[in-house]
Amino acid sequence: MRLSHSGIYHWVLEKGGQKLQMDLPVRQALNELAAIKQAVLVGLGIDFISEWFIKDELKSGALARVLVPWCPSFGGLRLYYSGHRFVPARLRALIGLVHE
């Protein structure tokens, strides 16, 4: 995956406290989730992508998990914002959505 600052995301695999970072040759770098998912679906490679984004493909068998023992679970998203009294309506709506 290409990051916003044009760098390439390097996977850090972890198993039993052992960390492994591999710098593999990059054949294709994408920065849009739908494009990444489509590339994986047509067999162009593997990717490190959130399960919520590919849950239907996992359920149908179109995609399968690999390297499961080496992928630590993700603790979830976090939202940080200033605790001021005035919270704009849009931010308040986002906070409510995240809480759901």
N, C-alpha and C. Protein backbone atom coordinates (compact mmCIF):
# COMPACT_ATOMS: atom_id res chain seq x y z
N MET A 1 0.85 -1.18 0.00
CA MET A 1 0.00 0.00 0.00
C MET A 1 0.89 1.24 0.00
N ARG A 2 0.54 2.19 -0.82
CA ARG A 2 1.27 3.45 -0.85
C ARG A 2 0.64 4.38 0.18
N LEU A 3 1.45 4.99 1.02
CA LEU A 3 0.99 5.89 2.06
C LEU A 3 0.84 7.31 1.52
N SER A 4 0.17 8.16 2.26
CA SER A 4 -0.10 9.52 1.78
C SER A 4 1.17 10.32 1.52
N HIS A 5 2.26 10.01 2.20
CA HIS A 5 3.52 10.73 1.98
C HIS A 5 4.37 10.06 0.91
N SER A 6 3.76 9.17 0.10
CA SER A 6 4.38 8.47 -1.02
C SER A 6 5.29 7.32 -0.62
N GLY A 7 5.41 7.06 0.67
CA GLY A 7 6.20 5.91 1.10
C GLY A 7 5.39 4.63 0.93
N ILE A 8 6.05 3.51 1.03
CA ILE A 8 5.41 2.21 0.91
C ILE A 8 5.25 1.62 2.31
N TYR A 9 4.06 1.11 2.60
CA TYR A 9 3.81 0.48 3.89
C TYR A 9 4.60 -0.82 3.99
N HIS A 10 5.38 -0.97 5.04
CA HIS A 10 6.16 -2.18 5.26
C HIS A 10 5.45 -3.03 6.31
N TRP A 11 5.12 -4.23 5.94
CA TRP A 11 4.45 -5.12 6.88
C TRP A 11 5.40 -5.50 8.00
N VAL A 12 4.88 -5.47 9.20
CA VAL A 12 5.60 -5.98 10.36
C VAL A 12 4.79 -7.15 10.86
N LEU A 13 5.35 -8.33 10.71
CA LEU A 13 4.67 -9.54 11.15
C LEU A 13 5.11 -9.84 12.58
N GLU A 14 4.20 -10.37 13.37
CA GLU A 14 4.50 -10.62 14.78
C GLU A 14 3.88 -11.94 15.20
N LYS A 15 4.69 -12.74 15.91
CA LYS A 15 4.22 -14.03 16.39
C LYS A 15 4.97 -14.37 17.67
N GLY A 16 4.23 -14.52 18.75
CA GLY A 16 4.86 -14.89 20.02
C GLY A 16 5.92 -13.93 20.49
N GLY A 17 5.72 -12.65 20.28
CA GLY A 17 6.68 -11.65 20.69
C GLY A 17 7.83 -11.43 19.70
N GLN A 18 7.94 -12.25 18.70
CA GLN A 18 8.97 -12.10 17.68
C GLN A 18 8.42 -11.23 16.55
N LYS A 19 9.16 -10.20 16.20
CA LYS A 19 8.74 -9.31 15.11
C LYS A 19 9.63 -9.52 13.90
N LEU A 20 9.01 -9.44 12.75
CA LEU A 20 9.72 -9.65 11.50
C LEU A 20 9.24 -8.61 10.51
N GLN A 21 10.17 -7.82 9.98
CA GLN A 21 9.82 -6.86 8.93
C GLN A 21 10.55 -7.29 7.67
N MET A 22 9.75 -7.44 6.62
CA MET A 22 10.33 -7.89 5.36
C MET A 22 10.20 -6.77 4.34
N ASP A 23 11.28 -6.45 3.69
CA ASP A 23 11.27 -5.47 2.61
C ASP A 23 11.28 -6.23 1.29
N LEU A 24 10.09 -6.53 0.81
CA LEU A 24 9.95 -7.29 -0.42
C LEU A 24 9.90 -6.35 -1.62
N PRO A 25 10.28 -6.84 -2.79
CA PRO A 25 10.18 -6.00 -3.98
C PRO A 25 8.72 -5.65 -4.26
N VAL A 26 8.48 -4.41 -4.60
CA VAL A 26 7.12 -3.94 -4.86
C VAL A 26 6.85 -4.02 -6.34
N ARG A 27 5.79 -4.73 -6.70
CA ARG A 27 5.42 -4.84 -8.11
C ARG A 27 4.32 -3.86 -8.45
N GLN A 28 3.49 -3.56 -7.47
CA GLN A 28 2.38 -2.64 -7.68
C GLN A 28 2.05 -2.01 -6.34
N ALA A 29 1.81 -0.71 -6.32
CA ALA A 29 1.46 -0.01 -5.09
C ALA A 29 0.18 0.78 -5.33
N LEU A 30 -0.79 0.54 -4.50
CA LEU A 30 -2.09 1.21 -4.62
C LEU A 30 -2.39 1.92 -3.31
N ASN A 31 -3.23 2.94 -3.36
CA ASN A 31 -3.58 3.66 -2.14
C ASN A 31 -5.09 3.81 -1.98
N GLU A 32 -5.86 3.03 -2.69
CA GLU A 32 -7.32 3.12 -2.62
C GLU A 32 -7.85 1.73 -2.30
N LEU A 33 -8.60 1.60 -1.20
CA LEU A 33 -9.03 0.29 -0.71
C LEU A 33 -9.77 -0.54 -1.75
N ALA A 34 -10.67 0.06 -2.49
CA ALA A 34 -11.43 -0.70 -3.49
C ALA A 34 -10.50 -1.26 -4.57
N ALA A 35 -9.51 -0.48 -4.98
CA ALA A 35 -8.55 -0.95 -5.98
C ALA A 35 -7.68 -2.07 -5.42
N ILE A 36 -7.29 -1.94 -4.17
CA ILE A 36 -6.49 -2.98 -3.52
C ILE A 36 -7.28 -4.28 -3.46
N LYS A 37 -8.54 -4.19 -3.01
CA LYS A 37 -9.37 -5.38 -2.91
C LYS A 37 -9.55 -6.02 -4.29
N GLN A 38 -9.80 -5.23 -5.31
CA GLN A 38 -9.98 -5.77 -6.66
C GLN A 38 -8.71 -6.45 -7.15
N ALA A 39 -7.56 -5.86 -6.88
CA ALA A 39 -6.29 -6.46 -7.30
C ALA A 39 -6.09 -7.83 -6.65
N VAL A 40 -6.43 -7.93 -5.38
CA VAL A 40 -6.30 -9.21 -4.68
C VAL A 40 -7.31 -10.21 -5.24
N LEU A 41 -8.53 -9.77 -5.50
CA LEU A 41 -9.57 -10.66 -6.02
C LEU A 41 -9.20 -11.25 -7.39
N VAL A 42 -8.49 -10.49 -8.21
CA VAL A 42 -8.10 -11.01 -9.53
C VAL A 42 -6.77 -11.75 -9.49
N GLY A 43 -6.20 -11.90 -8.29
CA GLY A 43 -5.01 -12.72 -8.14
C GLY A 43 -3.68 -12.04 -8.34
N LEU A 44 -3.62 -10.74 -8.18
CA LEU A 44 -2.36 -10.03 -8.37
C LEU A 44 -1.43 -10.10 -7.16
N GLY A 45 -1.92 -10.61 -6.04
CA GLY A 45 -1.05 -10.72 -4.87
C GLY A 45 -1.87 -10.81 -3.60
N ILE A 46 -1.20 -10.57 -2.49
CA ILE A 46 -1.86 -10.55 -1.18
C ILE A 46 -1.76 -9.15 -0.61
N ASP A 47 -2.57 -8.88 0.40
CA ASP A 47 -2.52 -7.56 1.02
C ASP A 47 -2.91 -7.65 2.48
N PHE A 48 -2.53 -6.64 3.21
CA PHE A 48 -2.87 -6.48 4.61
C PHE A 48 -4.02 -5.49 4.65
N ILE A 49 -5.23 -6.00 4.82
CA ILE A 49 -6.43 -5.16 4.70
C ILE A 49 -7.39 -5.50 5.83
N SER A 50 -8.17 -4.55 6.25
CA SER A 50 -9.11 -4.75 7.35
C SER A 50 -10.18 -5.78 6.99
N GLU A 51 -10.45 -6.68 7.93
CA GLU A 51 -11.45 -7.72 7.69
C GLU A 51 -12.83 -7.15 7.44
N TRP A 52 -13.17 -6.03 8.06
CA TRP A 52 -14.51 -5.47 7.87
C TRP A 52 -14.74 -5.07 6.42
N PHE A 53 -13.66 -4.76 5.70
CA PHE A 53 -13.79 -4.32 4.31
C PHE A 53 -13.96 -5.49 3.35
N ILE A 54 -13.54 -6.68 3.76
CA ILE A 54 -13.61 -7.85 2.88
C ILE A 54 -14.45 -8.97 3.49
N LYS A 55 -15.31 -8.63 4.45
CA LYS A 55 -16.07 -9.67 5.17
C LYS A 55 -16.92 -10.51 4.23
N ASP A 56 -17.54 -9.92 3.23
CA ASP A 56 -18.37 -10.69 2.30
C ASP A 56 -17.53 -11.65 1.46
N GLU A 57 -16.36 -11.19 1.03
CA GLU A 57 -15.47 -12.02 0.22
C GLU A 57 -14.90 -13.16 1.05
N LEU A 58 -14.62 -12.92 2.34
CA LEU A 58 -14.16 -13.98 3.22
C LEU A 58 -15.26 -15.02 3.43
N LYS A 59 -16.47 -14.53 3.65
CA LYS A 59 -17.62 -15.42 3.89
C LYS A 59 -17.91 -16.29 2.67
N SER A 60 -17.81 -15.72 1.48
CA SER A 60 -18.11 -16.46 0.25
C SER A 60 -16.96 -17.37 -0.18
N GLY A 61 -15.78 -17.16 0.38
CA GLY A 61 -14.62 -17.95 -0.01
C GLY A 61 -13.83 -17.35 -1.16
N ALA A 62 -14.25 -16.19 -1.64
CA ALA A 62 -13.52 -15.52 -2.73
C ALA A 62 -12.12 -15.11 -2.27
N LEU A 63 -12.00 -14.80 -0.98
CA LEU A 63 -10.70 -14.48 -0.38
C LEU A 63 -10.49 -15.37 0.84
N ALA A 64 -9.24 -15.62 1.16
CA ALA A 64 -8.90 -16.43 2.33
C ALA A 64 -7.80 -15.74 3.12
N ARG A 65 -7.80 -15.94 4.41
CA ARG A 65 -6.75 -15.38 5.26
C ARG A 65 -5.47 -16.19 5.07
N VAL A 66 -4.34 -15.50 5.05
CA VAL A 66 -3.03 -16.14 5.02
C VAL A 66 -2.17 -15.49 6.09
N LEU A 67 -1.14 -16.16 6.49
CA LEU A 67 -0.21 -15.66 7.52
C LEU A 67 -0.91 -15.33 8.84
N VAL A 68 -2.00 -16.02 9.14
CA VAL A 68 -2.79 -15.73 10.33
C VAL A 68 -1.96 -15.78 11.61
N PRO A 69 -1.10 -16.79 11.81
CA PRO A 69 -0.31 -16.81 13.06
C PRO A 69 0.62 -15.61 13.21
N TRP A 70 0.95 -14.95 12.11
CA TRP A 70 1.89 -13.83 12.15
C TRP A 70 1.21 -12.47 12.18
N CYS A 71 -0.09 -12.44 12.17
CA CYS A 71 -0.81 -11.16 12.16
C CYS A 71 -1.48 -10.92 13.50
N PRO A 72 -0.96 -9.99 14.29
CA PRO A 72 -1.60 -9.70 15.57
C PRO A 72 -2.97 -9.07 15.35
N SER A 73 -3.87 -9.30 16.28
CA SER A 73 -5.21 -8.72 16.14
C SER A 73 -5.13 -7.21 16.32
N PHE A 74 -6.05 -6.53 15.67
CA PHE A 74 -6.12 -5.08 15.71
C PHE A 74 -7.06 -4.66 16.83
N GLY A 75 -6.62 -3.78 17.68
CA GLY A 75 -7.40 -3.37 18.83
C GLY A 75 -8.57 -2.46 18.52
N GLY A 76 -8.70 -2.01 17.31
CA GLY A 76 -9.81 -1.16 16.93
C GLY A 76 -9.39 0.27 16.68
N LEU A 77 -10.31 1.01 16.12
CA LEU A 77 -10.05 2.41 15.80
C LEU A 77 -10.17 3.28 17.05
N ARG A 78 -9.45 4.37 17.06
CA ARG A 78 -9.51 5.33 18.15
C ARG A 78 -9.79 6.70 17.56
N LEU A 79 -10.54 7.51 18.28
CA LEU A 79 -10.84 8.86 17.85
C LEU A 79 -10.39 9.81 18.95
N TYR A 80 -9.52 10.73 18.60
CA TYR A 80 -9.03 11.71 19.55
C TYR A 80 -9.50 13.09 19.12
N TYR A 81 -10.00 13.85 20.05
CA TYR A 81 -10.43 15.21 19.76
C TYR A 81 -10.30 16.02 21.04
N SER A 82 -10.23 17.33 20.88
CA SER A 82 -10.07 18.18 22.06
C SER A 82 -11.36 18.14 22.88
N GLY A 83 -11.22 18.21 24.17
CA GLY A 83 -12.37 18.10 25.06
C GLY A 83 -13.02 19.44 25.37
N HIS A 84 -12.98 20.35 24.44
CA HIS A 84 -13.58 21.66 24.67
C HIS A 84 -15.09 21.55 24.80
N ARG A 85 -15.68 22.54 25.43
CA ARG A 85 -17.14 22.55 25.60
C ARG A 85 -17.86 22.59 24.26
N PHE A 86 -17.35 23.41 23.35
CA PHE A 86 -18.00 23.54 22.06
C PHE A 86 -17.47 22.46 21.11
N VAL A 87 -18.33 21.54 20.75
CA VAL A 87 -17.99 20.51 19.78
C VAL A 87 -18.89 20.73 18.57
N PRO A 88 -18.31 21.02 17.41
CA PRO A 88 -19.13 21.27 16.22
C PRO A 88 -20.08 20.10 15.94
N ALA A 89 -21.22 20.40 15.36
CA ALA A 89 -22.25 19.39 15.10
C ALA A 89 -21.72 18.24 14.25
N ARG A 90 -20.92 18.56 13.26
CA ARG A 90 -20.37 17.50 12.39
C ARG A 90 -19.48 16.55 13.18
N LEU A 91 -18.64 17.11 14.05
CA LEU A 91 -17.77 16.28 14.87
C LEU A 91 -18.61 15.46 15.85
N ARG A 92 -19.62 16.07 16.44
CA ARG A 92 -20.50 15.36 17.36
C ARG A 92 -21.18 14.18 16.65
N ALA A 93 -21.59 14.38 15.39
CA ALA A 93 -22.22 13.31 14.61
C ALA A 93 -21.22 12.19 14.34
N LEU A 94 -19.98 12.54 14.03
CA LEU A 94 -18.96 11.54 13.79
C LEU A 94 -18.69 10.75 15.07
N ILE A 95 -18.60 11.43 16.19
CA ILE A 95 -18.37 10.76 17.48
C ILE A 95 -19.50 9.76 17.76
N GLY A 96 -20.73 10.19 17.49
CA GLY A 96 -21.86 9.29 17.69
C GLY A 96 -21.78 8.07 16.79
N LEU A 97 -21.37 8.26 15.56
CA LEU A 97 -21.24 7.16 14.62
C LEU A 97 -20.16 6.18 15.07
N VAL A 98 -19.04 6.73 15.53
CA VAL A 98 -17.93 5.87 15.99
C VAL A 98 -18.36 5.07 17.21
N HIS A 99 -19.12 5.67 18.10
CA HIS A 99 -19.58 4.97 19.30
C HIS A 99 -20.49 3.80 18.94
N GLU A 100 -21.27 3.94 17.88
CA GLU A 100 -22.16 2.85 17.45
C GLU A 100 -21.35 1.64 17.05
